C-alpha atoms as a PDB file:
ATOM      1  CA  MET A   1      -1.073 -14.267  11.891  1.00  0.00           C
ATOM      2  CA  SER A   2      -2.054 -16.211   8.748  1.00  0.00           C
ATOM      3  CA  GLY A   3       0.372 -16.384   6.297  1.00  0.00           C
ATOM      4  CA  LEU A   4       4.059 -16.474   6.853  1.00  0.00           C
ATOM      5  CA  GLY A   5       5.837 -15.415   3.880  1.00  0.00           C
ATOM      6  CA  SER A   6       8.151 -12.307   3.333  1.00  0.00           C
ATOM      7  CA  ILE A   7       5.226  -9.936   4.393  1.00  0.00           C
ATOM      8  CA  GLY A   8       4.216 -12.377   6.849  1.00  0.00           C
ATOM      9  CA  LEU A   9       7.872 -12.419   8.616  1.00  0.00           C
ATOM     10  CA  GLN A  10       8.033  -8.818   8.017  1.00  0.00           C
ATOM     11  CA  HIS A  11       5.236  -8.286  10.414  1.00  0.00           C
ATOM     12  CA  ILE A  12       5.604 -10.665  13.027  1.00  0.00           C
ATOM     13  CA  THR A  13       9.256  -8.654  13.277  1.00  0.00           C
ATOM     14  CA  ALA A  14       7.088  -5.644  13.580  1.00  0.00           C
ATOM     15  CA  PHE A  15       4.749  -7.096  16.469  1.00  0.00           C
ATOM     16  CA  ALA A  16       7.672  -8.256  18.088  1.00  0.00           C
ATOM     17  CA  GLN A  17       8.619  -4.273  19.094  1.00  0.00           C
ATOM     18  CA  VAL A  18       4.936  -4.090  20.529  1.00  0.00           C
ATOM     19  CA  PRO A  19       5.088  -4.623  24.452  1.00  0.00           C
ATOM     20  CA  GLY A  20       2.544  -7.384  25.778  1.00  0.00           C
ATOM     21  CA  VAL A  21       2.235  -9.107  22.170  1.00  0.00           C
ATOM     22  CA  ARG A  22       2.276 -12.889  21.406  1.00  0.00           C
ATOM     23  CA  LEU A  23       1.734 -14.346  18.143  1.00  0.00           C
ATOM     24  CA  VAL A  24       0.131 -17.829  17.141  1.00  0.00           C
ATOM     25  CA  ALA A  25       1.074 -18.275  12.894  1.00  0.00           C
ATOM     26  CA  PHE A  26      -0.770 -20.115  10.693  1.00  0.00           C
ATOM     27  CA  ASP A  27       0.709 -21.365   7.139  1.00  0.00           C
ATOM     28  CA  PRO A  28      -0.064 -24.542   5.447  1.00  0.00           C
ATOM     29  CA  ASP A  29       3.400 -24.763   4.273  1.00  0.00           C
ATOM     30  CA  PRO A  30       6.030 -26.394   7.111  1.00  0.00           C
ATOM     31  CA  GLY A  31       8.882 -24.934   6.004  1.00  0.00           C
ATOM     32  CA  ARG A  32       7.212 -21.875   6.677  1.00  0.00           C
ATOM     33  CA  ARG A  33       6.167 -21.740   9.799  1.00  0.00           C
ATOM     34  CA  ALA A  34       9.303 -23.476  10.612  1.00  0.00           C
ATOM     35  CA  ALA A  35      11.004 -20.153   9.872  1.00  0.00           C
ATOM     36  CA  ALA A  36       8.285 -18.264  11.615  1.00  0.00           C
ATOM     37  CA  ALA A  37       8.539 -20.289  14.624  1.00  0.00           C
ATOM     38  CA  ALA A  38      12.370 -19.763  15.171  1.00  0.00           C
ATOM     39  CA  HIS A  39      11.264 -16.196  16.237  1.00  0.00           C
ATOM     40  CA  PRO A  40      10.945 -15.491  20.005  1.00  0.00           C
ATOM     41  CA  ALA A  41       7.975 -13.527  19.463  1.00  0.00           C
ATOM     42  CA  VAL A  42       5.946 -16.476  18.095  1.00  0.00           C
ATOM     43  CA  ASP A  43       4.252 -18.638  20.743  1.00  0.00           C
ATOM     44  CA  ARG A  44       3.540 -21.678  18.337  1.00  0.00           C
ATOM     45  CA  THR A  45       2.431 -22.328  14.630  1.00  0.00           C
ATOM     46  CA  THR A  46      -0.394 -24.359  12.749  1.00  0.00           C
ATOM     47  CA  GLY A  47      -0.790 -25.568   9.524  1.00  0.00           C
ATOM     48  CA  GLU A  48      -5.019 -25.054  10.228  1.00  0.00           C
ATOM     49  CA  PHE A  49      -6.438 -21.715   9.853  1.00  0.00           C
ATOM     50  CA  GLY A  50      -9.253 -22.677  12.254  1.00  0.00           C
ATOM     51  CA  GLU A  51      -6.714 -23.952  14.474  1.00  0.00           C
ATOM     52  CA  LEU A  52      -5.631 -20.182  14.425  1.00  0.00           C
ATOM     53  CA  LEU A  53      -9.187 -18.760  15.124  1.00  0.00           C
ATOM     54  CA  ASP A  54      -9.806 -21.192  18.040  1.00  0.00           C
ATOM     55  CA  ALA A  55      -6.615 -19.882  19.598  1.00  0.00           C
ATOM     56  CA  GLY A  56      -8.500 -17.119  20.694  1.00  0.00           C
ATOM     57  CA  PRO A  57      -6.450 -13.756  19.307  1.00  0.00           C
ATOM     58  CA  GLY A  58      -7.165 -10.263  20.065  1.00  0.00           C
ATOM     59  CA  ALA A  59      -6.606  -9.742  16.549  1.00  0.00           C
ATOM     60  CA  LEU A  60      -5.454 -11.158  13.341  1.00  0.00           C
ATOM     61  CA  VAL A  61      -2.952 -10.079  10.146  1.00  0.00           C
ATOM     62  CA  ILE A  62      -4.388 -11.465   7.217  1.00  0.00           C
ATOM     63  CA  ALA A  63      -0.620 -11.946   4.825  1.00  0.00           C
ATOM     64  CA  GLY A  64      -1.649 -14.575   2.672  1.00  0.00           C
ATOM     65  CA  PRO A  65      -2.097 -14.432  -1.147  1.00  0.00           C
ATOM     66  CA  ASP A  66      -4.693 -12.371  -2.578  1.00  0.00           C
ATOM     67  CA  HIS A  67      -7.304 -15.184  -3.180  1.00  0.00           C
ATOM     68  CA  VAL A  68      -7.692 -16.550   0.463  1.00  0.00           C
ATOM     69  CA  HIS A  69      -8.410 -13.027   1.874  1.00  0.00           C
ATOM     70  CA  PRO A  70     -12.214 -12.873   0.959  1.00  0.00           C
ATOM     71  CA  ALA A  71     -12.869 -16.232   2.978  1.00  0.00           C
ATOM     72  CA  GLN A  72     -10.569 -15.243   5.785  1.00  0.00           C
ATOM     73  CA  LEU A  73     -11.950 -11.691   6.323  1.00  0.00           C
ATOM     74  CA  ARG A  74     -15.242 -13.464   6.635  1.00  0.00           C
ATOM     75  CA  ALA A  75     -14.583 -15.808   9.120  1.00  0.00           C
ATOM     76  CA  ALA A  76     -12.660 -13.248  11.395  1.00  0.00           C
ATOM     77  CA  ALA A  77     -15.698 -11.357  10.956  1.00  0.00           C
ATOM     78  CA  ASP A  78     -18.110 -14.159  11.963  1.00  0.00           C
ATOM     79  CA  ARG A  79     -16.093 -13.888  15.390  1.00  0.00           C
ATOM     80  CA  ARG A  80     -15.944 -10.022  15.544  1.00  0.00           C
ATOM     81  CA  LEU A  81     -12.298 -10.379  15.323  1.00  0.00           C
ATOM     82  CA  PRO A  82     -10.133  -7.156  14.764  1.00  0.00           C
ATOM     83  CA  LEU A  83      -8.097  -7.370  11.515  1.00  0.00           C
ATOM     84  CA  LEU A  84      -5.787  -5.696   9.259  1.00  0.00           C
ATOM     85  CA  VAL A  85      -5.831  -7.478   5.557  1.00  0.00           C
ATOM     86  CA  GLU A  86      -2.591  -7.093   3.379  1.00  0.00           C
ATOM     87  CA  LYS A  87      -2.988  -5.299   0.175  1.00  0.00           C
ATOM     88  CA  PRO A  88      -5.019  -5.805  -2.486  1.00  0.00           C
ATOM     89  CA  VAL A  89      -8.193  -6.867  -0.177  1.00  0.00           C
ATOM     90  CA  ALA A  90      -8.838  -9.462  -2.733  1.00  0.00           C
ATOM     91  CA  ALA A  91      -7.759 -10.565  -5.877  1.00  0.00           C
ATOM     92  CA  THR A  92     -10.456  -8.803  -7.993  1.00  0.00           C
ATOM     93  CA  LEU A  93     -12.649  -6.031  -7.485  1.00  0.00           C
ATOM     94  CA  ASP A  94     -15.889  -7.337  -7.180  1.00  0.00           C
ATOM     95  CA  GLU A  95     -14.500  -9.934  -4.708  1.00  0.00           C
ATOM     96  CA  ALA A  96     -13.009  -7.039  -2.463  1.00  0.00           C
ATOM     97  CA  ARG A  97     -16.752  -4.806  -2.394  1.00  0.00           C
ATOM     98  CA  THR A  98     -18.327  -8.060  -1.425  1.00  0.00           C
ATOM     99  CA  ALA A  99     -15.907  -8.688   1.595  1.00  0.00           C
ATOM    100  CA  ALA A 100     -15.603  -5.472   2.546  1.00  0.00           C
ATOM    101  CA  ALA A 101     -19.904  -4.849   2.483  1.00  0.00           C
ATOM    102  CA  GLY A 102     -19.716  -8.466   4.992  1.00  0.00           C
ATOM    103  CA  VAL A 103     -17.349  -7.264   7.380  1.00  0.00           C
ATOM    104  CA  ALA A 104     -19.162  -3.498   7.706  1.00  0.00           C
ATOM    105  CA  ALA A 105     -22.113  -5.578   8.420  1.00  0.00           C
ATOM    106  CA  THR A 106     -20.598  -7.074  11.368  1.00  0.00           C
ATOM    107  CA  GLY A 107     -19.427  -3.986  12.937  1.00  0.00           C
ATOM    108  CA  THR A 108     -16.041  -5.752  13.045  1.00  0.00           C
ATOM    109  CA  PRO A 109     -13.032  -3.015  13.352  1.00  0.00           C
ATOM    110  CA  ALA A 110     -10.929  -3.436  10.023  1.00  0.00           C
ATOM    111  CA  LEU A 111      -7.571  -2.275   8.531  1.00  0.00           C
ATOM    112  CA  VAL A 112      -5.725  -2.575   5.593  1.00  0.00           C
ATOM    113  CA  GLY A 113      -2.331  -2.608   5.243  1.00  0.00           C
ATOM    114  CA  TYR A 114      -0.996   0.226   3.419  1.00  0.00           C
ATOM    115  CA  VAL A 115       1.471   0.836   5.769  1.00  0.00           C
ATOM    116  CA  LEU A 116       3.005   4.136   3.838  1.00  0.00           C
ATOM    117  CA  ARG A 117       0.353   6.027   5.458  1.00  0.00           C
ATOM    118  CA  HIS A 118       2.078   5.366   8.873  1.00  0.00           C
ATOM    119  CA  ARG A 119       5.967   6.635   7.292  1.00  0.00           C
ATOM    120  CA  LEU A 120       6.586   9.865   8.918  1.00  0.00           C
ATOM    121  CA  VAL A 121       7.588  11.525   5.562  1.00  0.00           C
ATOM    122  CA  VAL A 122       3.880  10.740   4.315  1.00  0.00           C
ATOM    123  CA  GLN A 123       2.285  12.265   6.973  1.00  0.00           C
ATOM    124  CA  ARG A 124       4.335  14.916   7.258  1.00  0.00           C
ATOM    125  CA  THR A 125       3.872  15.622   3.273  1.00  0.00           C
ATOM    126  CA  ARG A 126      -0.014  15.169   3.770  1.00  0.00           C
ATOM    127  CA  ALA A 127       0.271  17.746   6.632  1.00  0.00           C
ATOM    128  CA  ALA A 128       2.200  20.123   4.454  1.00  0.00           C
ATOM    129  CA  LEU A 129      -0.259  19.857   1.707  1.00  0.00           C
ATOM    130  CA  ALA A 130      -3.413  20.212   4.201  1.00  0.00           C
ATOM    131  CA  GLY A 131      -1.820  23.177   6.196  1.00  0.00           C
ATOM    132  CA  GLY A 132      -1.770  25.460   2.784  1.00  0.00           C
ATOM    133  CA  GLU A 133       2.222  25.712   2.781  1.00  0.00           C
ATOM    134  CA  ILE A 134       2.481  25.337  -0.699  1.00  0.00           C
ATOM    135  CA  GLY A 135      -1.198  27.302  -1.567  1.00  0.00           C
ATOM    136  CA  GLU A 136      -3.593  25.260  -3.562  1.00  0.00           C
ATOM    137  CA  PRO A 137      -2.077  22.532  -5.663  1.00  0.00           C
ATOM    138  CA  VAL A 138      -2.536  22.290  -9.276  1.00  0.00           C
ATOM    139  CA  ALA A 139      -0.064  19.831 -10.755  1.00  0.00           C
ATOM    140  CA  VAL A 140       1.355  16.683  -9.042  1.00  0.00           C
ATOM    141  CA  HIS A 141       4.075  13.889 -10.631  1.00  0.00           C
ATOM    142  CA  VAL A 142       4.912  10.647  -9.063  1.00  0.00           C
ATOM    143  CA  MET A 143       8.015   8.420  -9.748  1.00  0.00           C
ATOM    144  CA  LEU A 144       8.318   4.707  -8.546  1.00  0.00           C
ATOM    145  CA  GLY A 145      11.261   2.449  -9.517  1.00  0.00           C
ATOM    146  CA  ALA A 146      10.739  -0.448  -7.869  1.00  0.00           C
ATOM    147  CA  TYR A 147      13.052  -3.546  -9.627  1.00  0.00           C
ATOM    148  CA  GLY A 148      13.960  -4.282  -5.950  1.00  0.00           C
ATOM    149  CA  THR A 149      11.002  -5.812  -5.330  1.00  0.00           C
ATOM    150  CA  ILE A 150      11.220  -8.639  -7.752  1.00  0.00           C
ATOM    151  CA  GLU A 151      14.772  -9.168  -6.204  1.00  0.00           C
ATOM    152  CA  ALA A 152      13.030  -9.295  -2.436  1.00  0.00           C
ATOM    153  CA  ALA A 153      10.378 -11.256  -3.249  1.00  0.00           C
ATOM    154  CA  VAL A 154      11.607 -13.953  -5.377  1.00  0.00           C
ATOM    155  CA  SER A 155       9.665 -16.877  -4.692  1.00  0.00           C
ATOM    156  CA  ARG A 156       6.331 -14.525  -5.376  1.00  0.00           C
ATOM    157  CA  PHE A 157       8.026 -13.571  -8.817  1.00  0.00           C
ATOM    158  CA  ALA A 158       8.906 -17.288  -9.814  1.00  0.00           C
ATOM    159  CA  THR A 159       4.966 -17.465 -11.185  1.00  0.00           C
ATOM    160  CA  LYS A 160       4.346 -15.453 -14.475  1.00  0.00           C
ATOM    161  CA  GLU A 161       1.186 -12.683 -13.379  1.00  0.00           C
ATOM    162  CA  PRO A 162       0.335 -10.586 -16.195  1.00  0.00           C
ATOM    163  CA  ASP A 163      -0.773  -6.816 -14.899  1.00  0.00           C
ATOM    164  CA  ARG A 164       0.707  -7.608 -11.804  1.00  0.00           C
ATOM    165  CA  LEU A 165       2.389  -3.923 -11.161  1.00  0.00           C
ATOM    166  CA  TYR A 166      -0.779  -1.873 -11.376  1.00  0.00           C
ATOM    167  CA  ARG A 167      -2.010  -3.889  -7.963  1.00  0.00           C
ATOM    168  CA  ASP A 168       1.389  -4.353  -6.348  1.00  0.00           C
ATOM    169  CA  TYR A 169       2.106  -0.641  -6.207  1.00  0.00           C
ATOM    170  CA  SER A 170      -1.455   0.378  -5.272  1.00  0.00           C
ATOM    171  CA  HIS A 171       0.364   2.121  -2.785  1.00  0.00           C
ATOM    172  CA  GLU A 172       0.413   5.100  -4.786  1.00  0.00           C
ATOM    173  CA  TRP A 173      -3.258   5.099  -5.516  1.00  0.00           C
ATOM    174  CA  ASP A 174      -3.893   5.027  -1.808  1.00  0.00           C
ATOM    175  CA  TYR A 175      -1.657   7.735  -0.731  1.00  0.00           C
ATOM    176  CA  LEU A 176      -2.783   9.865  -3.163  1.00  0.00           C
ATOM    177  CA  ARG A 177      -6.400   9.706  -2.402  1.00  0.00           C
ATOM    178  CA  TRP A 178      -5.421  10.318   1.317  1.00  0.00           C
ATOM    179  CA  CYS A 179      -3.865  13.480   0.590  1.00  0.00           C
ATOM    180  CA  PHE A 180      -5.806  14.838  -2.663  1.00  0.00           C
ATOM    181  CA  GLY A 181      -9.059  13.371  -2.251  1.00  0.00           C
ATOM    182  CA  PRO A 182     -11.190  10.924  -4.551  1.00  0.00           C
ATOM    183  CA  ILE A 183      -9.508   9.654  -8.258  1.00  0.00           C
ATOM    184  CA  ALA A 184     -12.463  10.395 -10.509  1.00  0.00           C
ATOM    185  CA  ARG A 185     -10.713   9.213 -13.599  1.00  0.00           C
ATOM    186  CA  ALA A 186      -7.412   7.399 -15.158  1.00  0.00           C
ATOM    187  CA  PHE A 187      -5.820   7.200 -18.787  1.00  0.00           C
ATOM    188  CA  ALA A 188      -2.493   5.009 -18.958  1.00  0.00           C
ATOM    189  CA  ALA A 189      -0.121   3.850 -21.891  1.00  0.00           C
ATOM    190  CA  ALA A 190       1.993   0.514 -20.665  1.00  0.00           C
ATOM    191  CA  ARG A 191       4.969  -1.377 -22.187  1.00  0.00           C
ATOM    192  CA  THR A 192       7.089  -4.170 -21.095  1.00  0.00           C
ATOM    193  CA  VAL A 193      11.024  -3.783 -21.309  1.00  0.00           C
ATOM    194  CA  THR A 194      13.005  -6.793 -22.106  1.00  0.00           C
ATOM    195  CA  SER A 195      16.380  -5.886 -21.473  1.00  0.00           C
ATOM    196  CA  VAL A 196      16.025  -6.935 -17.682  1.00  0.00           C
ATOM    197  CA  PRO A 197      16.850 -10.136 -16.067  1.00  0.00           C
ATOM    198  CA  HIS A 198      13.264 -10.894 -14.652  1.00  0.00           C
ATOM    199  CA  VAL A 199      10.883  -9.667 -17.207  1.00  0.00           C
ATOM    200  CA  GLU A 200       7.490  -8.659 -15.367  1.00  0.00           C
ATOM    201  CA  SER A 201       4.576  -7.635 -18.354  1.00  0.00           C
ATOM    202  CA  PRO A 202       3.999  -5.009 -18.265  1.00  0.00           C
ATOM    203  CA  ASN A 203       6.740  -3.845 -16.787  1.00  0.00           C
ATOM    204  CA  CYS A 204       6.659   0.541 -17.371  1.00  0.00           C
ATOM    205  CA  VAL A 205       3.291   2.219 -17.129  1.00  0.00           C
ATOM    206  CA  ASP A 206       2.694   6.111 -17.304  1.00  0.00           C
ATOM    207  CA  GLY A 207      -0.303   7.740 -16.822  1.00  0.00           C
ATOM    208  CA  LEU A 208      -2.631  10.416 -15.922  1.00  0.00           C
ATOM    209  CA  LEU A 209      -5.299  10.656 -12.574  1.00  0.00           C
ATOM    210  CA  GLU A 210      -7.756  13.492 -12.711  1.00  0.00           C
ATOM    211  CA  PHE A 211      -9.312  14.097  -9.044  1.00  0.00           C
ATOM    212  CA  ALA A 212     -12.780  14.406  -8.471  1.00  0.00           C
ATOM    213  CA  SER A 213     -11.714  18.127  -7.578  1.00  0.00           C
ATOM    214  CA  GLY A 214     -10.447  18.571 -10.848  1.00  0.00           C
ATOM    215  CA  LEU A 215      -6.563  18.457  -9.928  1.00  0.00           C
ATOM    216  CA  ARG A 216      -4.905  15.827 -12.115  1.00  0.00           C
ATOM    217  CA  ALA A 217      -1.448  14.022 -11.149  1.00  0.00           C
ATOM    218  CA  THR A 218       1.219  12.218 -13.752  1.00  0.00           C
ATOM    219  CA  PHE A 219       2.468   9.146 -12.792  1.00  0.00           C
ATOM    220  CA  HIS A 220       5.364   6.547 -13.668  1.00  0.00           C
ATOM    221  CA  LEU A 221       5.559   3.156 -12.261  1.00  0.00           C
ATOM    222  CA  ASP A 222       7.932   0.538 -13.316  1.00  0.00           C
ATOM    223  CA  TYR A 223       9.758  -2.545 -12.332  1.00  0.00           C
ATOM    224  CA  LEU A 224      12.957  -1.466 -13.926  1.00  0.00           C
ATOM    225  CA  GLU A 225      14.840   0.926 -12.072  1.00  0.00           C
ATOM    226  CA  PRO A 226      17.093  -0.881  -9.588  1.00  0.00           C
ATOM    227  CA  LEU A 227      18.168   1.973  -6.851  1.00  0.00           C
ATOM    228  CA  GLY A 228      14.517   2.362  -5.955  1.00  0.00           C
ATOM    229  CA  THR A 229      12.535   5.336  -6.588  1.00  0.00           C
ATOM    230  CA  ARG A 230       9.469   6.631  -4.646  1.00  0.00           C
ATOM    231  CA  THR A 231       8.842  10.521  -5.083  1.00  0.00           C
ATOM    232  CA  VAL A 232       6.133  12.684  -5.250  1.00  0.00           C
ATOM    233  CA  GLN A 233       6.516  16.501  -6.729  1.00  0.00           C
ATOM    234  CA  VAL A 234       3.541  18.838  -6.345  1.00  0.00           C
ATOM    235  CA  LEU A 235       3.522  22.467  -7.742  1.00  0.00           C
ATOM    236  CA  GLY A 236       1.017  25.066  -5.526  1.00  0.00           C
ATOM    237  CA  THR A 237      -0.054  28.640  -6.127  1.00  0.00           C
ATOM    238  CA  GLY A 238       2.191  29.608  -3.417  1.00  0.00           C
ATOM    239  CA  GLY A 239       5.449  27.329  -3.936  1.00  0.00           C
ATOM    240  CA  THR A 240       6.602  23.502  -4.293  1.00  0.00           C
ATOM    241  CA  LEU A 241       6.769  20.064  -2.558  1.00  0.00           C
ATOM    242  CA  LEU A 242       9.149  17.397  -3.406  1.00  0.00           C
ATOM    243  CA  ALA A 243       8.852  14.219  -0.896  1.00  0.00           C
ATOM    244  CA  ASP A 244      11.185  11.217  -1.558  1.00  0.00           C
ATOM    245  CA  PHE A 245       9.679   8.720   0.739  1.00  0.00           C
ATOM    246  CA  GLY A 246      12.040   6.121  -0.341  1.00  0.00           C
ATOM    247  CA  ARG A 247      14.932   8.344   1.675  1.00  0.00           C
ATOM    248  CA  GLY A 248      12.543  10.211   3.800  1.00  0.00           C
ATOM    249  CA  THR A 249      13.340  13.646   3.017  1.00  0.00           C
ATOM    250  CA  LEU A 250      10.711  16.286   2.229  1.00  0.00           C
ATOM    251  CA  GLU A 251      11.237  19.749   0.480  1.00  0.00           C
ATOM    252  CA  VAL A 252       9.281  22.835   0.956  1.00  0.00           C
ATOM    253  CA  ARG A 253       9.936  25.607  -1.170  1.00  0.00           C
ATOM    254  CA  ALA A 254       6.857  28.880  -0.710  1.00  0.00           C
ATOM    255  CA  ARG A 255       6.683  32.435  -1.088  1.00  0.00           C
ATOM    256  CA  ALA A 256       4.801  34.424   1.065  1.00  0.00           C
ATOM    257  CA  GLN A 257       4.368  38.307   1.476  1.00  0.00           C
ATOM    258  CA  GLY A 258       7.247  38.552  -1.007  1.00  0.00           C
ATOM    259  CA  ARG A 259       9.716  36.415   0.392  1.00  0.00           C
ATOM    260  CA  ASP A 260      10.863  33.084  -0.175  1.00  0.00           C
ATOM    261  CA  ARG A 261      11.685  30.362   2.186  1.00  0.00           C
ATOM    262  CA  ALA A 262      13.067  27.081   1.663  1.00  0.00           C
ATOM    263  CA  VAL A 263      12.382  24.211   4.347  1.00  0.00           C
ATOM    264  CA  ARG A 264      13.749  20.616   4.287  1.00  0.00           C
ATOM    265  CA  HIS A 265      12.526  17.843   6.435  1.00  0.00           C
ATOM    266  CA  GLU A 266      14.644  14.542   7.302  1.00  0.00           C
ATOM    267  CA  LEU A 267      12.829  11.899   8.472  1.00  0.00           C
ATOM    268  CA  PRO A 268      14.623   8.950   7.352  1.00  0.00           C
ATOM    269  CA  GLU A 269      13.390   5.464   8.625  1.00  0.00           C
ATOM    270  CA  PRO A 270      13.630   1.839   8.187  1.00  0.00           C
ATOM    271  CA  PRO A 271      10.575   0.173   6.542  1.00  0.00           C
ATOM    272  CA  ALA A 272      10.223  -1.680   9.804  1.00  0.00           C
ATOM    273  CA  GLY A 273       9.630   1.393  11.559  1.00  0.00           C
ATOM    274  CA  ALA A 274       6.403   2.334   9.681  1.00  0.00           C
ATOM    275  CA  LEU A 275       5.298  -1.580  10.026  1.00  0.00           C
ATOM    276  CA  ALA A 276       6.073  -1.281  14.108  1.00  0.00           C
ATOM    277  CA  ARG A 277       4.113   1.933  14.233  1.00  0.00           C
ATOM    278  CA  GLN A 278       0.895  -0.341  12.061  1.00  0.00           C
ATOM    279  CA  ALA A 279       1.069  -2.753  14.402  1.00  0.00           C
ATOM    280  CA  ALA A 280       0.695  -0.854  17.240  1.00  0.00           C
ATOM    281  CA  HIS A 281      -1.811   0.736  15.767  1.00  0.00           C
ATOM    282  CA  LEU A 282      -3.766  -2.641  15.185  1.00  0.00           C
ATOM    283  CA  VAL A 283      -3.600  -3.673  18.603  1.00  0.00           C
ATOM    284  CA  ALA A 284      -4.936  -0.153  19.630  1.00  0.00           C
ATOM    285  CA  VAL A 285      -7.400  -0.533  17.763  1.00  0.00           C
ATOM    286  CA  ALA A 286      -8.481  -3.794  19.189  1.00  0.00           C
ATOM    287  CA  ARG A 287      -8.580  -2.513  22.182  1.00  0.00           C
ATOM    288  CA  GLY A 288     -10.712  -0.114  21.588  1.00  0.00           C
ATOM    289  CA  GLU A 289      -8.373   3.245  21.698  1.00  0.00           C
ATOM    290  CA  ALA A 290      -7.912   4.268  17.850  1.00  0.00           C
ATOM    291  CA  VAL A 291     -10.112   4.091  14.984  1.00  0.00           C
ATOM    292  CA  PRO A 292      -8.311   2.513  11.789  1.00  0.00           C
ATOM    293  CA  LEU A 293      -6.320   5.048  10.130  1.00  0.00           C
ATOM    294  CA  VAL A 294      -6.842   2.786   6.710  1.00  0.00           C
ATOM    295  CA  THR A 295     -10.196   1.600   6.097  1.00  0.00           C
ATOM    296  CA  LEU A 296     -11.684  -1.509   4.147  1.00  0.00           C
ATOM    297  CA  ASP A 297     -13.155   1.512   1.646  1.00  0.00           C
ATOM    298  CA  ASP A 298      -9.711   2.633   1.443  1.00  0.00           C
ATOM    299  CA  GLY A 299      -8.987  -0.578   0.488  1.00  0.00           C
ATOM    300  CA  VAL A 300     -11.450  -0.886  -2.056  1.00  0.00           C
ATOM    301  CA  ALA A 301     -10.937   2.332  -3.648  1.00  0.00           C
ATOM    302  CA  ALA A 302      -7.426   2.002  -3.648  1.00  0.00           C
ATOM    303  CA  LEU A 303      -7.761  -1.207  -5.911  1.00  0.00           C
ATOM    304  CA  ALA A 304     -10.986   0.589  -7.948  1.00  0.00           C
ATOM    305  CA  ALA A 305      -8.149   2.630  -8.779  1.00  0.00           C
ATOM    306  CA  ALA A 306      -5.841   0.259  -9.752  1.00  0.00           C
ATOM    307  CA  GLU A 307      -8.242  -1.263 -12.102  1.00  0.00           C
ATOM    308  CA  ALA A 308      -9.050   2.187 -13.710  1.00  0.00           C
ATOM    309  CA  VAL A 309      -5.176   2.526 -14.748  1.00  0.00           C
ATOM    310  CA  ARG A 310      -4.988  -0.864 -15.847  1.00  0.00           C
ATOM    311  CA  SER A 311      -8.222  -1.187 -18.092  1.00  0.00           C
ATOM    312  CA  ALA A 312      -7.001   1.990 -19.822  1.00  0.00           C
ATOM    313  CA  ALA A 313      -3.732   1.149 -20.347  1.00  0.00           C
ATOM    314  CA  THR A 314      -5.292  -2.072 -22.103  1.00  0.00           C
ATOM    315  CA  ALA A 315      -7.141  -0.016 -24.222  1.00  0.00           C
ATOM    316  CA  GLU A 316      -4.367   1.673 -25.293  1.00  0.00           C
ATOM    317  CA  ALA A 317      -6.427   4.584 -26.399  1.00  0.00           C
ATOM    318  CA  TRP A 318      -3.247   6.924 -26.827  1.00  0.00           C
ATOM    319  CA  ARG A 319      -2.808   4.938 -29.304  1.00  0.00           C
ATOM    320  CA  ASP A 320      -5.794   6.246 -31.465  1.00  0.00           C
ATOM    321  CA  LEU A 321      -3.941   9.529 -31.661  1.00  0.00           C
ATOM    322  CA  PRO A 322      -2.736  10.741 -34.858  1.00  0.00           C
ATOM    323  CA  PRO A 323       1.235  10.620 -34.921  1.00  0.00           C
ATOM    324  CA  LEU A 324       3.288  13.948 -34.929  1.00  0.00           C
ATOM    325  CA  TYR A 325       5.164  12.581 -38.013  1.00  0.00           C
END
């Protein structure tokens, strides 16, 4: 385990639920190492990344800051060490592409930590869409309100970092690609609301994605809404679908042969449930029993989408439109 911040400690808790797994944990910060050492699943900690690799782990989780990911990816690939890297793959898109190509050249199995793909409600949503339960999708709307992330990761947000929202919630770009295919174009507008206690810039983004299929999705992302919102609504030629990924619910309404049908799936689970499945998946990949559910190519594509949204919002092309009054 490389990196013992909030997500690293969550990974430790998740791996503790996988039978037979023992952990060696690395972080340069002594306080973080002390916190990790108190966990019963951790055999020992180290302040040297090389010492972590020399311990001969069967797999590696890279959960440190974005800028350390490329070097640690290269080091793991040099040893053909199966790995999971947290999102985003790297601090920049070019670095992510270079790192992914380097890992691919070695044939090292690599996963990216888009853990939403391991949530039951997300998997059931994708299955409903793939199974044609609402016919052909013709419109999609995504809502994300995530002020709780700021409250849960106070130390990370102590340092101001412009444009963080696009990358922090590249989860959205990943599961949208998983459900609807490649993203071709993006249009976005952003603003900063200053009436909240902790202000990110921007903290409110609205926009439109176009997929290679021609399908379009509107989206809203913010670091403002305090209760937490993560929903996807899909209108299809045969019905509608409303998924609440936060609450774990999925409602499907469809019409077939002149009859209306409504089905509600209740799939609530704590975030630790999906993390535990992701941990077990990494172990299965390392043992050669499974192939990565989320590849480095997926991670690069999600980061490319985040960059496209950021570029579109920064360009503020919508300001060139004539006012209606």
